[in-house]
PDB file of N, CA and C in Angstrom:
ATOM      1  N   MET A   1     -45.127  -0.005  56.903  1.00  0.00           N
ATOM      2  CA  MET A   1     -44.949   1.237  56.141  1.00  0.00           C
ATOM      3  C   MET A   1     -43.583   1.824  56.422  1.00  0.00           C
ATOM      4  N   ALA A   2     -42.857   2.145  55.341  1.00  0.00           N
ATOM      5  CA  ALA A   2     -41.522   2.708  55.522  1.00  0.00           C
ATOM      6  C   ALA A   2     -41.570   4.184  55.864  1.00  0.00           C
ATOM      7  N   THR A   3     -40.647   4.582  56.681  1.00  0.00           N
ATOM      8  CA  THR A   3     -40.604   5.991  57.095  1.00  0.00           C
ATOM      9  C   THR A   3     -39.605   6.712  56.157  1.00  0.00           C
ATOM     10  N   HIS A   4     -39.976   7.866  55.808  1.00  0.00           N
ATOM     11  CA  HIS A   4     -39.132   8.690  54.900  1.00  0.00           C
ATOM     12  C   HIS A   4     -38.367   9.750  55.756  1.00  0.00           C
ATOM     13  N   PRO A   5     -37.167  10.088  55.381  1.00  0.00           N
ATOM     14  CA  PRO A   5     -36.471  11.128  56.164  1.00  0.00           C
ATOM     15  C   PRO A   5     -37.138  12.504  55.874  1.00  0.00           C
ATOM     16  N   ARG A   6     -37.071  13.261  56.905  1.00  0.00           N
ATOM     17  CA  ARG A   6     -37.636  14.582  56.727  1.00  0.00           C
ATOM     18  C   ARG A   6     -36.681  15.503  56.016  1.00  0.00           C
ATOM     19  N   TRP A   7     -37.157  16.442  55.293  1.00  0.00           N
ATOM     20  CA  TRP A   7     -36.310  17.361  54.508  1.00  0.00           C
ATOM     21  C   TRP A   7     -35.429  18.184  55.410  1.00  0.00           C
ATOM     22  N   SER A   8     -35.927  18.526  56.604  1.00  0.00           N
ATOM     23  CA  SER A   8     -35.124  19.313  57.553  1.00  0.00           C
ATOM     24  C   SER A   8     -33.961  18.553  58.050  1.00  0.00           C
ATOM     25  N   ALA A   9     -34.119  17.216  58.247  1.00  0.00           N
ATOM     26  CA  ALA A   9     -33.008  16.370  58.644  1.00  0.00           C
ATOM     27  C   ALA A   9     -31.955  16.269  57.601  1.00  0.00           C
ATOM     28  N   LEU A  10     -32.396  16.181  56.311  1.00  0.00           N
ATOM     29  CA  LEU A  10     -31.422  16.150  55.232  1.00  0.00           C
ATOM     30  C   LEU A  10     -30.710  17.421  55.066  1.00  0.00           C
ATOM     31  N   LEU A  11     -31.394  18.569  55.351  1.00  0.00           N
ATOM     32  CA  LEU A  11     -30.714  19.812  55.305  1.00  0.00           C
ATOM     33  C   LEU A  11     -29.657  19.924  56.352  1.00  0.00           C
ATOM     34  N   TYR A  12     -29.952  19.460  57.589  1.00  0.00           N
ATOM     35  CA  TYR A  12     -28.987  19.427  58.659  1.00  0.00           C
ATOM     36  C   TYR A  12     -27.774  18.555  58.337  1.00  0.00           C
ATOM     37  N   GLU A  13     -28.021  17.373  57.726  1.00  0.00           N
ATOM     38  CA  GLU A  13     -26.891  16.515  57.352  1.00  0.00           C
ATOM     39  C   GLU A  13     -26.028  17.170  56.261  1.00  0.00           C
ATOM     40  N   PHE A  14     -26.675  17.816  55.296  1.00  0.00           N
ATOM     41  CA  PHE A  14     -25.856  18.449  54.229  1.00  0.00           C
ATOM     42  C   PHE A  14     -25.030  19.638  54.832  1.00  0.00           C
ATOM     43  N   SER A  15     -25.658  20.408  55.640  1.00  0.00           N
ATOM     44  CA  SER A  15     -24.925  21.587  56.264  1.00  0.00           C
ATOM     45  C   SER A  15     -23.779  21.141  57.146  1.00  0.00           C
ATOM     46  N   GLY A  16     -23.983  20.020  57.884  1.00  0.00           N
ATOM     47  CA  GLY A  16     -22.952  19.492  58.707  1.00  0.00           C
ATOM     48  C   GLY A  16     -21.758  18.945  57.886  1.00  0.00           C
ATOM     49  N   GLY A  17     -22.082  18.233  56.787  1.00  0.00           N
ATOM     50  CA  GLY A  17     -21.045  17.740  55.908  1.00  0.00           C
ATOM     51  C   GLY A  17     -20.265  18.868  55.273  1.00  0.00           C
ATOM     52  N   LEU A  18     -20.970  19.906  54.854  1.00  0.00           N
ATOM     53  CA  LEU A  18     -20.275  21.025  54.173  1.00  0.00           C
ATOM     54  C   LEU A  18     -19.348  21.763  55.172  1.00  0.00           C
ATOM     55  N   THR A  19     -19.844  21.944  56.376  1.00  0.00           N
ATOM     56  CA  THR A  19     -19.024  22.574  57.406  1.00  0.00           C
ATOM     57  C   THR A  19     -17.784  21.792  57.722  1.00  0.00           C
ATOM     58  N   ALA A  20     -17.917  20.452  57.816  1.00  0.00           N
ATOM     59  CA  ALA A  20     -16.724  19.606  58.084  1.00  0.00           C
ATOM     60  C   ALA A  20     -15.816  19.572  56.944  1.00  0.00           C
ATOM     61  N   ALA A  21     -16.288  19.701  55.685  1.00  0.00           N
ATOM     62  CA  ALA A  21     -15.407  19.790  54.505  1.00  0.00           C
ATOM     63  C   ALA A  21     -14.612  21.052  54.478  1.00  0.00           C
ATOM     64  N   VAL A  22     -15.252  22.151  54.731  1.00  0.00           N
ATOM     65  CA  VAL A  22     -14.601  23.437  54.752  1.00  0.00           C
ATOM     66  C   VAL A  22     -13.492  23.530  55.820  1.00  0.00           C
ATOM     67  N   ILE A  23     -13.800  22.981  57.025  1.00  0.00           N
ATOM     68  CA  ILE A  23     -12.821  23.008  58.129  1.00  0.00           C
ATOM     69  C   ILE A  23     -11.653  22.107  57.765  1.00  0.00           C
ATOM     70  N   ALA A  24     -11.934  20.910  57.219  1.00  0.00           N
ATOM     71  CA  ALA A  24     -10.878  19.985  56.892  1.00  0.00           C
ATOM     72  C   ALA A  24      -9.977  20.528  55.810  1.00  0.00           C
ATOM     73  N   LEU A  25     -10.482  21.186  54.840  1.00  0.00           N
ATOM     74  CA  LEU A  25      -9.710  21.709  53.723  1.00  0.00           C
ATOM     75  C   LEU A  25      -8.814  22.913  54.251  1.00  0.00           C
ATOM     76  N   SER A  26      -9.364  23.711  55.101  1.00  0.00           N
ATOM     77  CA  SER A  26      -8.595  24.836  55.564  1.00  0.00           C
ATOM     78  C   SER A  26      -7.440  24.340  56.513  1.00  0.00           C
ATOM     79  N   LEU A  27      -7.712  23.290  57.269  1.00  0.00           N
ATOM     80  CA  LEU A  27      -6.627  22.728  58.130  1.00  0.00           C
ATOM     81  C   LEU A  27      -5.576  22.082  57.290  1.00  0.00           C
ATOM     82  N   ALA A  28      -5.999  21.358  56.214  1.00  0.00           N
ATOM     83  CA  ALA A  28      -5.013  20.760  55.331  1.00  0.00           C
ATOM     84  C   ALA A  28      -4.118  21.816  54.690  1.00  0.00           C
ATOM     85  N   LEU A  29      -4.691  22.881  54.275  1.00  0.00           N
ATOM     86  CA  LEU A  29      -3.894  24.000  53.686  1.00  0.00           C
ATOM     87  C   LEU A  29      -2.890  24.542  54.707  1.00  0.00           C
ATOM     88  N   ALA A  30      -3.335  24.720  55.898  1.00  0.00           N
ATOM     89  CA  ALA A  30      -2.451  25.285  56.957  1.00  0.00           C
ATOM     90  C   ALA A  30      -1.336  24.330  57.236  1.00  0.00           C
ATOM     91  N   PHE A  31      -1.627  23.029  57.321  1.00  0.00           N
ATOM     92  CA  PHE A  31      -0.580  22.041  57.667  1.00  0.00           C
ATOM     93  C   PHE A  31       0.406  21.996  56.502  1.00  0.00           C
ATOM     94  N   GLY A  32      -0.043  22.099  55.254  1.00  0.00           N
ATOM     95  CA  GLY A  32       0.847  22.120  54.151  1.00  0.00           C
ATOM     96  C   GLY A  32       1.833  23.272  54.170  1.00  0.00           C
ATOM     97  N   VAL A  33       1.342  24.444  54.531  1.00  0.00           N
ATOM     98  CA  VAL A  33       2.142  25.628  54.594  1.00  0.00           C
ATOM     99  C   VAL A  33       3.174  25.442  55.750  1.00  0.00           C
ATOM    100  N   VAL A  34       2.720  25.032  56.876  1.00  0.00           N
ATOM    101  CA  VAL A  34       3.605  24.834  58.056  1.00  0.00           C
ATOM    102  C   VAL A  34       4.695  23.839  57.789  1.00  0.00           C
ATOM    103  N   ALA A  35       4.324  22.703  57.115  1.00  0.00           N
ATOM    104  CA  ALA A  35       5.284  21.636  56.835  1.00  0.00           C
ATOM    105  C   ALA A  35       6.384  22.071  55.855  1.00  0.00           C
ATOM    106  N   PHE A  36       6.019  22.912  54.892  1.00  0.00           N
ATOM    107  CA  PHE A  36       7.045  23.262  53.889  1.00  0.00           C
ATOM    108  C   PHE A  36       7.628  24.682  54.096  1.00  0.00           C
ATOM    109  N   ALA A  37       7.186  25.384  55.094  1.00  0.00           N
ATOM    110  CA  ALA A  37       7.696  26.761  55.341  1.00  0.00           C
ATOM    111  C   ALA A  37       9.189  26.799  55.616  1.00  0.00           C
ATOM    112  N   PRO A  38       9.768  25.856  56.378  1.00  0.00           N
ATOM    113  CA  PRO A  38      11.204  25.945  56.647  1.00  0.00           C
ATOM    114  C   PRO A  38      12.048  25.784  55.368  1.00  0.00           C
ATOM    115  N   LEU A  39      11.504  25.280  54.328  1.00  0.00           N
ATOM    116  CA  LEU A  39      12.309  25.090  53.092  1.00  0.00           C
ATOM    117  C   LEU A  39      12.342  26.346  52.256  1.00  0.00           C
ATOM    118  N   GLY A  40      11.483  27.328  52.502  1.00  0.00           N
ATOM    119  CA  GLY A  40      11.487  28.575  51.793  1.00  0.00           C
ATOM    120  C   GLY A  40      10.118  28.996  51.314  1.00  0.00           C
ATOM    121  N   PRO A  41       9.948  30.240  50.881  1.00  0.00           N
ATOM    122  CA  PRO A  41       8.614  30.664  50.463  1.00  0.00           C
ATOM    123  C   PRO A  41       8.082  29.959  49.207  1.00  0.00           C
ATOM    124  N   ALA A  42       8.908  29.572  48.327  1.00  0.00           N
ATOM    125  CA  ALA A  42       8.425  28.813  47.150  1.00  0.00           C
ATOM    126  C   ALA A  42       7.859  27.468  47.489  1.00  0.00           C
ATOM    127  N   TYR A  43       8.549  26.808  48.493  1.00  0.00           N
ATOM    128  CA  TYR A  43       8.091  25.498  48.922  1.00  0.00           C
ATOM    129  C   TYR A  43       6.844  25.632  49.725  1.00  0.00           C
ATOM    130  N   ALA A  44       6.707  26.676  50.519  1.00  0.00           N
ATOM    131  CA  ALA A  44       5.508  26.897  51.320  1.00  0.00           C
ATOM    132  C   ALA A  44       4.260  27.038  50.408  1.00  0.00           C
ATOM    133  N   ALA A  45       4.454  27.714  49.247  1.00  0.00           N
ATOM    134  CA  ALA A  45       3.344  27.833  48.301  1.00  0.00           C
ATOM    135  C   ALA A  45       3.000  26.508  47.717  1.00  0.00           C
ATOM    136  N   HIS A  46       3.973  25.638  47.455  1.00  0.00           N
ATOM    137  CA  HIS A  46       3.699  24.245  46.924  1.00  0.00           C
ATOM    138  C   HIS A  46       3.027  23.441  47.984  1.00  0.00           C
ATOM    139  N   GLY A  47       3.378  23.625  49.279  1.00  0.00           N
ATOM    140  CA  GLY A  47       2.675  22.889  50.331  1.00  0.00           C
ATOM    141  C   GLY A  47       1.261  23.309  50.499  1.00  0.00           C
ATOM    142  N   ALA A  48       0.991  24.612  50.260  1.00  0.00           N
ATOM    143  CA  ALA A  48      -0.424  25.080  50.262  1.00  0.00           C
ATOM    144  C   ALA A  48      -1.245  24.493  49.105  1.00  0.00           C
ATOM    145  N   LEU A  49      -0.563  24.353  47.991  1.00  0.00           N
ATOM    146  CA  LEU A  49      -1.327  23.843  46.778  1.00  0.00           C
ATOM    147  C   LEU A  49      -1.575  22.363  46.912  1.00  0.00           C
ATOM    148  N   THR A  50      -0.657  21.557  47.563  1.00  0.00           N
ATOM    149  CA  THR A  50      -0.836  20.148  47.618  1.00  0.00           C
ATOM    150  C   THR A  50      -1.660  19.718  48.810  1.00  0.00           C
ATOM    151  N   HIS A  51      -1.956  20.567  49.760  1.00  0.00           N
ATOM    152  CA  HIS A  51      -2.788  20.255  50.926  1.00  0.00           C
ATOM    153  C   HIS A  51      -2.226  19.014  51.642  1.00  0.00           C
ATOM    154  N   VAL A  52      -0.975  19.071  51.982  1.00  0.00           N
ATOM    155  CA  VAL A  52      -0.395  17.907  52.726  1.00  0.00           C
ATOM    156  C   VAL A  52      -1.174  17.736  53.947  1.00  0.00           C
TER     157      VAL A  52
END
């Protein structure tokens, strides 16, 4: 007999993935701003948009 995943386990997996995605995107935005900030404010904005 095959075992089925519990809904609570799937909920934990989904919330963990969503948390990791939010943290990764915010870090990418910050790294883009920091990388392009020495070039000027206009380039810092482009760095934020490209998520270097």
